[in-house]
C-alpha atoms as a PDB file:
ATOM      1  CA  UNK A   1     -49.060  38.065 -78.738  1.00  0.00           C
ATOM      2  CA  UNK A   2     -49.747  40.629 -81.421  1.00  0.00           C
ATOM      3  CA  UNK A   3     -47.516  43.169 -79.667  1.00  0.00           C
ATOM      4  CA  UNK A   4     -44.670  40.630 -79.451  1.00  0.00           C
ATOM      5  CA  UNK A   5     -45.106  39.775 -83.120  1.00  0.00           C
ATOM      6  CA  UNK A   6     -44.975  43.438 -84.148  1.00  0.00           C
ATOM      7  CA  UNK A   7     -41.845  43.942 -82.023  1.00  0.00           C
ATOM      8  CA  UNK A   8     -40.291  40.980 -83.824  1.00  0.00           C
ATOM      9  CA  UNK A   9     -41.085  42.489 -87.227  1.00  0.00           C
ATOM     10  CA  UNK A  10     -39.721  45.872 -86.149  1.00  0.00           C
ATOM     11  CA  UNK A  11     -36.562  44.856 -84.318  1.00  0.00           C
ATOM     12  CA  UNK A  12     -35.512  41.633 -86.038  1.00  0.00           C
ATOM     13  CA  UNK A  13     -37.047  41.777 -89.502  1.00  0.00           C
ATOM     14  CA  UNK A  14     -36.541  45.549 -89.821  1.00  0.00           C
ATOM     15  CA  UNK A  15     -39.935  46.081 -91.468  1.00  0.00           C
ATOM     16  CA  UNK A  16     -41.000  49.661 -92.241  1.00  0.00           C
ATOM     17  CA  UNK A  17     -43.497  51.574 -90.090  1.00  0.00           C
ATOM     18  CA  UNK A  18     -46.000  51.426 -92.948  1.00  0.00           C
ATOM     19  CA  UNK A  19     -45.767  47.623 -93.090  1.00  0.00           C
ATOM     20  CA  UNK A  20     -46.036  47.293 -89.309  1.00  0.00           C
ATOM     21  CA  UNK A  21     -49.160  49.453 -89.330  1.00  0.00           C
ATOM     22  CA  UNK A  22     -50.724  47.249 -92.031  1.00  0.00           C
ATOM     23  CA  UNK A  23     -49.972  44.042 -90.079  1.00  0.00           C
ATOM     24  CA  UNK A  24     -51.381  45.537 -86.882  1.00  0.00           C
ATOM     25  CA  UNK A  25     -54.574  46.635 -88.623  1.00  0.00           C
ATOM     26  CA  UNK A  26     -55.098  43.200 -90.238  1.00  0.00           C
ATOM     27  CA  UNK A  27     -54.526  41.262 -87.028  1.00  0.00           C
ATOM     28  CA  UNK A  28     -56.713  43.508 -84.886  1.00  0.00           C
ATOM     29  CA  UNK A  29     -59.461  43.297 -87.496  1.00  0.00           C
ATOM     30  CA  UNK A  30     -59.288  39.506 -87.450  1.00  0.00           C
ATOM     31  CA  UNK A  31     -59.229  39.397 -83.641  1.00  0.00           C
ATOM     32  CA  UNK A  32     -62.307  41.637 -83.495  1.00  0.00           C
ATOM     33  CA  UNK A  33     -64.093  39.337 -85.955  1.00  0.00           C
ATOM     34  CA  UNK A  34     -63.271  36.229 -83.911  1.00  0.00           C
ATOM     35  CA  UNK A  35     -64.458  37.897 -80.730  1.00  0.00           C
ATOM     36  CA  UNK A  36     -67.727  39.143 -82.226  1.00  0.00           C
ATOM     37  CA  UNK A  37     -68.606  36.048 -84.247  1.00  0.00           C
ATOM     38  CA  UNK A  38     -67.279  33.189 -82.129  1.00  0.00           C
ATOM     39  CA  UNK A  39     -66.484  34.653 -78.720  1.00  0.00           C
ATOM     40  CA  UNK A  40     -62.817  33.752 -79.263  1.00  0.00           C
ATOM     41  CA  UNK A  41     -60.371  36.265 -77.776  1.00  0.00           C
ATOM     42  CA  UNK A  42     -57.280  34.045 -77.801  1.00  0.00           C
ATOM     43  CA  UNK A  43     -55.762  33.659 -81.275  1.00  0.00           C
ATOM     44  CA  UNK A  44     -54.111  30.411 -80.180  1.00  0.00           C
ATOM     45  CA  UNK A  45     -57.570  28.829 -80.203  1.00  0.00           C
ATOM     46  CA  UNK A  46     -58.474  29.844 -83.755  1.00  0.00           C
ATOM     47  CA  UNK A  47     -59.131  27.144 -86.370  1.00  0.00           C
ATOM     48  CA  UNK A  48     -59.214  27.311 -90.150  1.00  0.00           C
ATOM     49  CA  UNK A  49     -62.990  27.167 -90.298  1.00  0.00           C
ATOM     50  CA  UNK A  50     -63.150  30.471 -88.433  1.00  0.00           C
ATOM     51  CA  UNK A  51     -60.532  31.987 -90.717  1.00  0.00           C
ATOM     52  CA  UNK A  52     -62.566  30.791 -93.679  1.00  0.00           C
ATOM     53  CA  UNK A  53     -65.625  32.568 -92.255  1.00  0.00           C
ATOM     54  CA  UNK A  54     -63.606  35.784 -92.088  1.00  0.00           C
ATOM     55  CA  UNK A  55     -62.626  35.375 -95.735  1.00  0.00           C
ATOM     56  CA  UNK A  56     -66.275  34.844 -96.704  1.00  0.00           C
ATOM     57  CA  UNK A  57     -67.267  37.991 -94.821  1.00  0.00           C
ATOM     58  CA  UNK A  58     -64.570  40.012 -96.607  1.00  0.00           C
ATOM     59  CA  UNK A  59     -65.721  38.677 -99.980  1.00  0.00           C
ATOM     60  CA  UNK A  60     -69.304  39.655 -99.156  1.00  0.00           C
ATOM     61  CA  UNK A  61     -68.055  43.137 -98.298  1.00  0.00           C
ATOM     62  CA  UNK A  62     -66.619  43.349-101.845  1.00  0.00           C
ATOM     63  CA  UNK A  63     -63.041  43.405-100.616  1.00  0.00           C
ATOM     64  CA  UNK A  64     -60.792  42.523-103.586  1.00  0.00           C
ATOM     65  CA  UNK A  65     -59.072  39.132-103.725  1.00  0.00           C
ATOM     66  CA  UNK A  66     -55.666  40.789-103.708  1.00  0.00           C
ATOM     67  CA  UNK A  67     -56.538  42.704-100.521  1.00  0.00           C
ATOM     68  CA  UNK A  68     -57.880  39.539 -98.889  1.00  0.00           C
ATOM     69  CA  UNK A  69     -54.682  37.676 -99.819  1.00  0.00           C
ATOM     70  CA  UNK A  70     -52.652  40.447 -98.220  1.00  0.00           C
ATOM     71  CA  UNK A  71     -54.667  40.204 -94.994  1.00  0.00           C
ATOM     72  CA  UNK A  72     -54.265  36.416 -94.935  1.00  0.00           C
ATOM     73  CA  UNK A  73     -50.548  36.857 -95.580  1.00  0.00           C
ATOM     74  CA  UNK A  74     -50.380  38.971 -92.401  1.00  0.00           C
ATOM     75  CA  UNK A  75     -52.183  36.197 -90.552  1.00  0.00           C
ATOM     76  CA  UNK A  76     -49.850  33.539 -91.980  1.00  0.00           C
ATOM     77  CA  UNK A  77     -46.784  35.468 -90.845  1.00  0.00           C
ATOM     78  CA  UNK A  78     -48.302  35.842 -87.381  1.00  0.00           C
ATOM     79  CA  UNK A  79     -48.912  32.098 -87.016  1.00  0.00           C
ATOM     80  CA  UNK A  80     -45.435  31.303 -88.361  1.00  0.00           C
ATOM     81  CA  UNK A  81     -44.120  33.535 -85.584  1.00  0.00           C
ATOM     82  CA  UNK A  82     -46.178  31.581 -83.034  1.00  0.00           C
ATOM     83  CA  UNK A  83     -44.690  28.360 -84.421  1.00  0.00           C
ATOM     84  CA  UNK A  84     -41.191  29.794 -84.243  1.00  0.00           C
ATOM     85  CA  UNK A  85     -41.721  30.770 -80.609  1.00  0.00           C
ATOM     86  CA  UNK A  86     -43.201  27.284 -79.910  1.00  0.00           C
ATOM     87  CA  UNK A  87     -46.592  28.672 -78.881  1.00  0.00           C
ATOM     88  CA  UNK A  88     -48.299  26.430 -81.445  1.00  0.00           C
ATOM     89  CA  UNK A  89     -47.234  23.297 -83.301  1.00  0.00           C
ATOM     90  CA  UNK A  90     -49.220  23.726 -86.514  1.00  0.00           C
ATOM     91  CA  UNK A  91     -50.530  26.834 -88.227  1.00  0.00           C
ATOM     92  CA  UNK A  92     -54.289  26.856 -88.920  1.00  0.00           C
ATOM     93  CA  UNK A  93     -53.348  28.239 -92.336  1.00  0.00           C
ATOM     94  CA  UNK A  94     -50.963  25.410 -93.205  1.00  0.00           C
ATOM     95  CA  UNK A  95     -53.111  24.159 -96.093  1.00  0.00           C
ATOM     96  CA  UNK A  96     -54.657  27.454 -97.157  1.00  0.00           C
ATOM     97  CA  UNK A  97     -54.500  28.388-100.842  1.00  0.00           C
ATOM     98  CA  UNK A  98     -54.546  32.015-101.871  1.00  0.00           C
ATOM     99  CA  UNK A  99     -57.519  33.382-103.789  1.00  0.00           C
ATOM    100  CA  UNK A 100     -57.037  33.761-107.526  1.00  0.00           C
ATOM    101  CA  UNK A 101     -56.129  37.261-108.622  1.00  0.00           C
ATOM    102  CA  UNK A 102     -56.306  38.527-112.179  1.00  0.00           C
ATOM    103  CA  UNK A 103     -52.941  39.870-113.258  1.00  0.00           C
ATOM    104  CA  UNK A 104     -53.007  43.603-113.825  1.00  0.00           C
ATOM    105  CA  UNK A 105     -51.116  44.779-116.866  1.00  0.00           C
ATOM    106  CA  UNK A 106     -49.025  47.818-115.983  1.00  0.00           C
ATOM    107  CA  UNK A 107     -48.300  49.837-119.094  1.00  0.00           C
ATOM    108  CA  UNK A 108     -44.998  51.731-118.871  1.00  0.00           C
ATOM    109  CA  UNK A 109     -44.487  55.219-120.202  1.00  0.00           C
ATOM    110  CA  UNK A 110     -42.770  55.418-123.560  1.00  0.00           C
ATOM    111  CA  UNK A 111     -39.322  57.000-123.879  1.00  0.00           C
ATOM    112  CA  UNK A 112     -40.927  59.805-125.886  1.00  0.00           C
ATOM    113  CA  UNK A 113     -43.426  60.554-123.117  1.00  0.00           C
ATOM    114  CA  UNK A 114     -40.693  60.674-120.485  1.00  0.00           C
ATOM    115  CA  UNK A 115     -38.419  62.820-122.645  1.00  0.00           C
ATOM    116  CA  UNK A 116     -41.300  65.208-123.344  1.00  0.00           C
ATOM    117  CA  UNK A 117     -41.859  65.765-119.625  1.00  0.00           C
ATOM    118  CA  UNK A 118     -38.152  66.223-118.940  1.00  0.00           C
ATOM    119  CA  UNK A 119     -37.751  68.632-121.866  1.00  0.00           C
ATOM    120  CA  UNK A 120     -40.772  70.678-120.795  1.00  0.00           C
ATOM    121  CA  UNK A 121     -39.344  71.033-117.293  1.00  0.00           C
ATOM    122  CA  UNK A 122     -35.899  71.848-118.680  1.00  0.00           C
ATOM    123  CA  UNK A 123     -37.405  74.875-120.405  1.00  0.00           C
ATOM    124  CA  UNK A 124     -38.650  76.258-117.078  1.00  0.00           C
ATOM    125  CA  UNK A 125     -36.644  77.978-114.373  1.00  0.00           C
ATOM    126  CA  UNK A 126     -37.077  78.227-110.639  1.00  0.00           C
ATOM    127  CA  UNK A 127     -36.787  75.887-107.685  1.00  0.00           C
ATOM    128  CA  UNK A 128     -40.002  73.914-108.242  1.00  0.00           C
ATOM    129  CA  UNK A 129     -39.358  73.126-111.918  1.00  0.00           C
ATOM    130  CA  UNK A 130     -35.743  72.120-111.290  1.00  0.00           C
ATOM    131  CA  UNK A 131     -36.777  69.938-108.353  1.00  0.00           C
ATOM    132  CA  UNK A 132     -39.623  68.274-110.260  1.00  0.00           C
ATOM    133  CA  UNK A 133     -37.386  67.603-113.266  1.00  0.00           C
ATOM    134  CA  UNK A 134     -34.852  65.932-110.986  1.00  0.00           C
ATOM    135  CA  UNK A 135     -37.604  63.771-109.491  1.00  0.00           C
ATOM    136  CA  UNK A 136     -38.595  62.494-112.926  1.00  0.00           C
ATOM    137  CA  UNK A 137     -34.970  61.903-113.931  1.00  0.00           C
ATOM    138  CA  UNK A 138     -34.162  60.014-110.732  1.00  0.00           C
ATOM    139  CA  UNK A 139     -37.244  57.813-110.914  1.00  0.00           C
ATOM    140  CA  UNK A 140     -36.574  56.930-114.541  1.00  0.00           C
ATOM    141  CA  UNK A 141     -32.809  56.580-114.317  1.00  0.00           C
ATOM    142  CA  UNK A 142     -32.645  54.621-111.045  1.00  0.00           C
ATOM    143  CA  UNK A 143     -35.996  52.837-110.692  1.00  0.00           C
ATOM    144  CA  UNK A 144     -36.153  53.767-107.010  1.00  0.00           C
ATOM    145  CA  UNK A 145     -39.397  53.628-105.052  1.00  0.00           C
ATOM    146  CA  UNK A 146     -41.339  56.726-104.025  1.00  0.00           C
ATOM    147  CA  UNK A 147     -40.518  56.326-100.319  1.00  0.00           C
ATOM    148  CA  UNK A 148     -36.859  55.767-101.213  1.00  0.00           C
ATOM    149  CA  UNK A 149     -36.798  59.072-103.081  1.00  0.00           C
ATOM    150  CA  UNK A 150     -38.422  61.003-100.235  1.00  0.00           C
ATOM    151  CA  UNK A 151     -35.884  59.561 -97.774  1.00  0.00           C
ATOM    152  CA  UNK A 152     -32.805  60.471 -99.836  1.00  0.00           C
ATOM    153  CA  UNK A 153     -30.314  62.677 -98.018  1.00  0.00           C
ATOM    154  CA  UNK A 154     -27.685  65.053 -99.339  1.00  0.00           C
ATOM    155  CA  UNK A 155     -24.941  62.648 -98.284  1.00  0.00           C
ATOM    156  CA  UNK A 156     -26.633  59.860-100.282  1.00  0.00           C
ATOM    157  CA  UNK A 157     -24.896  61.152-103.408  1.00  0.00           C
ATOM    158  CA  UNK A 158     -21.311  60.341-104.346  1.00  0.00           C
ATOM    159  CA  UNK A 159     -20.556  62.888-107.058  1.00  0.00           C
ATOM    160  CA  UNK A 160     -17.075  61.555-107.734  1.00  0.00           C
ATOM    161  CA  UNK A 161     -18.173  57.956-108.316  1.00  0.00           C
ATOM    162  CA  UNK A 162     -21.538  58.986-109.819  1.00  0.00           C
ATOM    163  CA  UNK A 163     -23.449  56.746-107.420  1.00  0.00           C
ATOM    164  CA  UNK A 164     -26.467  57.228-105.194  1.00  0.00           C
ATOM    165  CA  UNK A 165     -27.084  55.277-101.978  1.00  0.00           C
ATOM    166  CA  UNK A 166     -30.693  54.183-101.534  1.00  0.00           C
ATOM    167  CA  UNK A 167     -32.235  52.859 -98.341  1.00  0.00           C
ATOM    168  CA  UNK A 168     -34.739  50.213 -99.422  1.00  0.00           C
ATOM    169  CA  UNK A 169     -37.153  47.883 -97.710  1.00  0.00           C
ATOM    170  CA  UNK A 170     -36.063  46.449 -94.358  1.00  0.00           C
ATOM    171  CA  UNK A 171     -33.335  49.118 -94.197  1.00  0.00           C
ATOM    172  CA  UNK A 172     -31.276  47.439 -96.909  1.00  0.00           C
ATOM    173  CA  UNK A 173     -28.903  49.787 -98.686  1.00  0.00           C
ATOM    174  CA  UNK A 174     -27.993  49.560-102.350  1.00  0.00           C
ATOM    175  CA  UNK A 175     -25.850  51.659-104.668  1.00  0.00           C
ATOM    176  CA  UNK A 176     -27.244  52.734-108.031  1.00  0.00           C
ATOM    177  CA  UNK A 177     -25.187  54.322-110.823  1.00  0.00           C
ATOM    178  CA  UNK A 178     -26.102  57.846-111.916  1.00  0.00           C
ATOM    179  CA  UNK A 179     -26.078  59.142-115.475  1.00  0.00           C
ATOM    180  CA  UNK A 180     -23.799  62.190-115.996  1.00  0.00           C
ATOM    181  CA  UNK A 181     -26.854  64.268-116.993  1.00  0.00           C
ATOM    182  CA  UNK A 182     -28.588  63.370-113.731  1.00  0.00           C
ATOM    183  CA  UNK A 183     -25.494  64.291-111.697  1.00  0.00           C
ATOM    184  CA  UNK A 184     -25.603  67.715-113.372  1.00  0.00           C
ATOM    185  CA  UNK A 185     -29.300  68.046-112.530  1.00  0.00           C
ATOM    186  CA  UNK A 186     -28.602  67.189-108.883  1.00  0.00           C
ATOM    187  CA  UNK A 187     -25.858  69.807-108.688  1.00  0.00           C
ATOM    188  CA  UNK A 188     -28.137  72.433-110.262  1.00  0.00           C
ATOM    189  CA  UNK A 189     -30.942  71.569-107.848  1.00  0.00           C
ATOM    190  CA  UNK A 190     -28.735  71.662-104.738  1.00  0.00           C
ATOM    191  CA  UNK A 191     -27.679  75.250-105.541  1.00  0.00           C
ATOM    192  CA  UNK A 192     -31.338  76.332-105.518  1.00  0.00           C
ATOM    193  CA  UNK A 193     -32.150  74.103-102.531  1.00  0.00           C
ATOM    194  CA  UNK A 194     -29.404  75.666-100.412  1.00  0.00           C
ATOM    195  CA  UNK A 195     -30.817  79.136-101.018  1.00  0.00           C
ATOM    196  CA  UNK A 196     -33.889  78.059 -99.034  1.00  0.00           C
ATOM    197  CA  UNK A 197     -31.601  77.269 -96.078  1.00  0.00           C
ATOM    198  CA  UNK A 198     -33.585  74.145 -95.151  1.00  0.00           C
ATOM    199  CA  UNK A 199     -33.084  72.600 -91.744  1.00  0.00           C
ATOM    200  CA  UNK A 200     -33.763  69.149 -93.179  1.00  0.00           C
ATOM    201  CA  UNK A 201     -30.801  67.067 -94.352  1.00  0.00           C
ATOM    202  CA  UNK A 202     -33.028  65.345 -96.921  1.00  0.00           C
ATOM    203  CA  UNK A 203     -32.315  65.961-100.593  1.00  0.00           C
ATOM    204  CA  UNK A 204     -35.858  66.789-101.670  1.00  0.00           C
ATOM    205  CA  UNK A 205     -37.640  69.578 -99.828  1.00  0.00           C
ATOM    206  CA  UNK A 206     -40.718  71.723-100.328  1.00  0.00           C
ATOM    207  CA  UNK A 207     -40.601  75.392-101.232  1.00  0.00           C
ATOM    208  CA  UNK A 208     -40.604  76.117 -97.487  1.00  0.00           C
ATOM    209  CA  UNK A 209     -37.550  73.948 -96.917  1.00  0.00           C
ATOM    210  CA  UNK A 210     -39.319  71.018 -95.262  1.00  0.00           C
ATOM    211  CA  UNK A 211     -38.791  67.373 -96.164  1.00  0.00           C
ATOM    212  CA  UNK A 212     -40.953  66.437 -99.127  1.00  0.00           C
ATOM    213  CA  UNK A 213     -43.819  64.001 -98.541  1.00  0.00           C
ATOM    214  CA  UNK A 214     -45.030  61.042-100.593  1.00  0.00           C
ATOM    215  CA  UNK A 215     -48.408  62.519-101.533  1.00  0.00           C
ATOM    216  CA  UNK A 216     -46.730  65.552-103.073  1.00  0.00           C
ATOM    217  CA  UNK A 217     -44.364  63.342-105.060  1.00  0.00           C
ATOM    218  CA  UNK A 218     -47.329  61.407-106.468  1.00  0.00           C
ATOM    219  CA  UNK A 219     -49.141  64.622-107.399  1.00  0.00           C
ATOM    220  CA  UNK A 220     -46.071  65.983-109.181  1.00  0.00           C
ATOM    221  CA  UNK A 221     -45.587  62.887-111.334  1.00  0.00           C
ATOM    222  CA  UNK A 222     -49.300  62.505-112.038  1.00  0.00           C
ATOM    223  CA  UNK A 223     -49.644  66.168-113.011  1.00  0.00           C
ATOM    224  CA  UNK A 224     -46.837  66.251-115.585  1.00  0.00           C
ATOM    225  CA  UNK A 225     -47.534  62.878-117.157  1.00  0.00           C
ATOM    226  CA  UNK A 226     -51.249  63.608-117.421  1.00  0.00           C
ATOM    227  CA  UNK A 227     -50.267  66.271-119.964  1.00  0.00           C
ATOM    228  CA  UNK A 228     -48.361  63.884-122.244  1.00  0.00           C
ATOM    229  CA  UNK A 229     -49.752  60.384-121.668  1.00  0.00           C
ATOM    230  CA  UNK A 230     -53.253  58.909-122.177  1.00  0.00           C
ATOM    231  CA  UNK A 231     -52.468  56.011-119.834  1.00  0.00           C
ATOM    232  CA  UNK A 232     -54.901  55.430-116.980  1.00  0.00           C
ATOM    233  CA  UNK A 233     -52.255  55.080-114.292  1.00  0.00           C
ATOM    234  CA  UNK A 234     -49.630  57.794-114.028  1.00  0.00           C
ATOM    235  CA  UNK A 235     -47.560  57.411-110.873  1.00  0.00           C
ATOM    236  CA  UNK A 236     -43.990  57.119-109.580  1.00  0.00           C
ATOM    237  CA  UNK A 237     -44.404  53.333-109.676  1.00  0.00           C
ATOM    238  CA  UNK A 238     -45.098  53.447-113.413  1.00  0.00           C
ATOM    239  CA  UNK A 239     -41.810  55.332-113.845  1.00  0.00           C
ATOM    240  CA  UNK A 240     -40.103  52.566-111.861  1.00  0.00           C
ATOM    241  CA  UNK A 241     -41.853  50.056-114.107  1.00  0.00           C
ATOM    242  CA  UNK A 242     -40.722  52.016-117.180  1.00  0.00           C
ATOM    243  CA  UNK A 243     -37.135  51.982-115.944  1.00  0.00           C
ATOM    244  CA  UNK A 244     -37.103  48.184-115.673  1.00  0.00           C
ATOM    245  CA  UNK A 245     -39.033  47.562-118.897  1.00  0.00           C
ATOM    246  CA  UNK A 246     -36.864  49.850-121.008  1.00  0.00           C
ATOM    247  CA  UNK A 247     -33.646  48.354-119.655  1.00  0.00           C
ATOM    248  CA  UNK A 248     -34.842  44.826-120.386  1.00  0.00           C
ATOM    249  CA  UNK A 249     -36.032  45.842-123.852  1.00  0.00           C
ATOM    250  CA  UNK A 250     -32.555  47.157-124.550  1.00  0.00           C
ATOM    251  CA  UNK A 251     -31.045  43.778-123.662  1.00  0.00           C
ATOM    252  CA  UNK A 252     -30.110  44.316-120.014  1.00  0.00           C
ATOM    253  CA  UNK A 253     -29.578  41.229-117.878  1.00  0.00           C
ATOM    254  CA  UNK A 254     -32.654  40.407-115.764  1.00  0.00           C
ATOM    255  CA  UNK A 255     -30.618  39.764-112.616  1.00  0.00           C
ATOM    256  CA  UNK A 256     -28.832  43.093-112.911  1.00  0.00           C
ATOM    257  CA  UNK A 257     -32.123  44.931-113.300  1.00  0.00           C
ATOM    258  CA  UNK A 258     -33.536  43.188-110.224  1.00  0.00           C
ATOM    259  CA  UNK A 259     -30.505  44.235-108.200  1.00  0.00           C
ATOM    260  CA  UNK A 260     -30.932  47.802-109.361  1.00  0.00           C
ATOM    261  CA  UNK A 261     -34.578  47.675-108.295  1.00  0.00           C
ATOM    262  CA  UNK A 262     -33.642  46.293-104.879  1.00  0.00           C
ATOM    263  CA  UNK A 263     -36.194  43.489-104.926  1.00  0.00           C
ATOM    264  CA  UNK A 264     -36.357  41.724-101.563  1.00  0.00           C
ATOM    265  CA  UNK A 265     -36.395  38.306-103.259  1.00  0.00           C
ATOM    266  CA  UNK A 266     -32.712  38.729-104.039  1.00  0.00           C
ATOM    267  CA  UNK A 267     -31.891  38.714-100.325  1.00  0.00           C
ATOM    268  CA  UNK A 268     -34.049  35.741 -99.405  1.00  0.00           C
ATOM    269  CA  UNK A 269     -33.700  33.349-102.323  1.00  0.00           C
ATOM    270  CA  UNK A 270     -30.988  31.963-104.569  1.00  0.00           C
ATOM    271  CA  UNK A 271     -33.049  32.347-107.720  1.00  0.00           C
ATOM    272  CA  UNK A 272     -31.162  35.439-108.797  1.00  0.00           C
ATOM    273  CA  UNK A 273     -27.391  35.831-108.964  1.00  0.00           C
ATOM    274  CA  UNK A 274     -25.728  38.763-107.286  1.00  0.00           C
ATOM    275  CA  UNK A 275     -23.654  40.700-109.767  1.00  0.00           C
ATOM    276  CA  UNK A 276     -20.730  42.894-108.841  1.00  0.00           C
ATOM    277  CA  UNK A 277     -21.275  46.638-108.752  1.00  0.00           C
ATOM    278  CA  UNK A 278     -18.960  47.146-111.717  1.00  0.00           C
ATOM    279  CA  UNK A 279     -20.968  44.704-113.835  1.00  0.00           C
ATOM    280  CA  UNK A 280     -24.203  46.416-112.841  1.00  0.00           C
ATOM    281  CA  UNK A 281     -22.759  49.812-113.802  1.00  0.00           C
ATOM    282  CA  UNK A 282     -21.604  48.449-117.151  1.00  0.00           C
ATOM    283  CA  UNK A 283     -24.983  46.898-117.959  1.00  0.00           C
ATOM    284  CA  UNK A 284     -26.759  50.046-116.812  1.00  0.00           C
ATOM    285  CA  UNK A 285     -24.662  52.417-118.918  1.00  0.00           C
ATOM    286  CA  UNK A 286     -24.917  50.211-121.975  1.00  0.00           C
ATOM    287  CA  UNK A 287     -28.664  49.651-121.812  1.00  0.00           C
ATOM    288  CA  UNK A 288     -30.351  52.753-120.402  1.00  0.00           C
ATOM    289  CA  UNK A 289     -32.017  54.811-123.177  1.00  0.00           C
ATOM    290  CA  UNK A 290     -30.760  58.102-121.712  1.00  0.00           C
ATOM    291  CA  UNK A 291     -27.142  57.046-121.310  1.00  0.00           C
ATOM    292  CA  UNK A 292     -26.224  58.868-124.576  1.00  0.00           C
ATOM    293  CA  UNK A 293     -23.744  56.185-125.467  1.00  0.00           C
ATOM    294  CA  UNK A 294     -21.844  56.775-128.649  1.00  0.00           C
END
């Protein structure tokens, strides 16, 4: 049943490998618990009382409420799948309420902090500095996710239209406008990149010409921003958060910002309106702090 569910998420829902791995780990962990504690090896026979016992065990192991909610979310999706395939009539989690989670305040970088990093990298030459500067500029000017940046390919960029094509969650593509300064940075970087003669078709590569990896991207952002910012968290996600916060502070329309971010809720709900690409470009160019509008 778990294998069928994972196939469904992969083939029909188009979930990422990372997400599939997380679901598989959660479900196998729960199945192992049911087997050890109650002798239950068939998840069709599970009741809420047993699920509640699992939650209690996780709490006693000092697992955070947010992590427990994520595990239960995996379980909920699994039982919804069993309902959809008519293997059960009612989910044992039908009346479950998520554990309370304290909202974490994510503090964005200031424009000055971001500009200081970009300016410091602009003063340096060489492949690594040019590449790292482009990373910072792309994160801040597009709001893309770390995995989206690592998966960018050379043909993702439309220099003529000043657009970049991003492959988001569930393989959903979106187009994001590029600032003229960022287009120049991309062109400068590609010249140096091509000298490495990389076999990879991905935009960002290591000094050896291999596709860049997510851990390296995190280290790069953390390293440079640790020099200019006292904030506790310094990561690519905070740059994404800064992108959205600064746009909204400059009066950008919330729906346009959410489309730029590629939030999955836009595809599954009618809460947000879908704006045309031209409107998004207009809002973006008017509101982004680095647009250098006259």
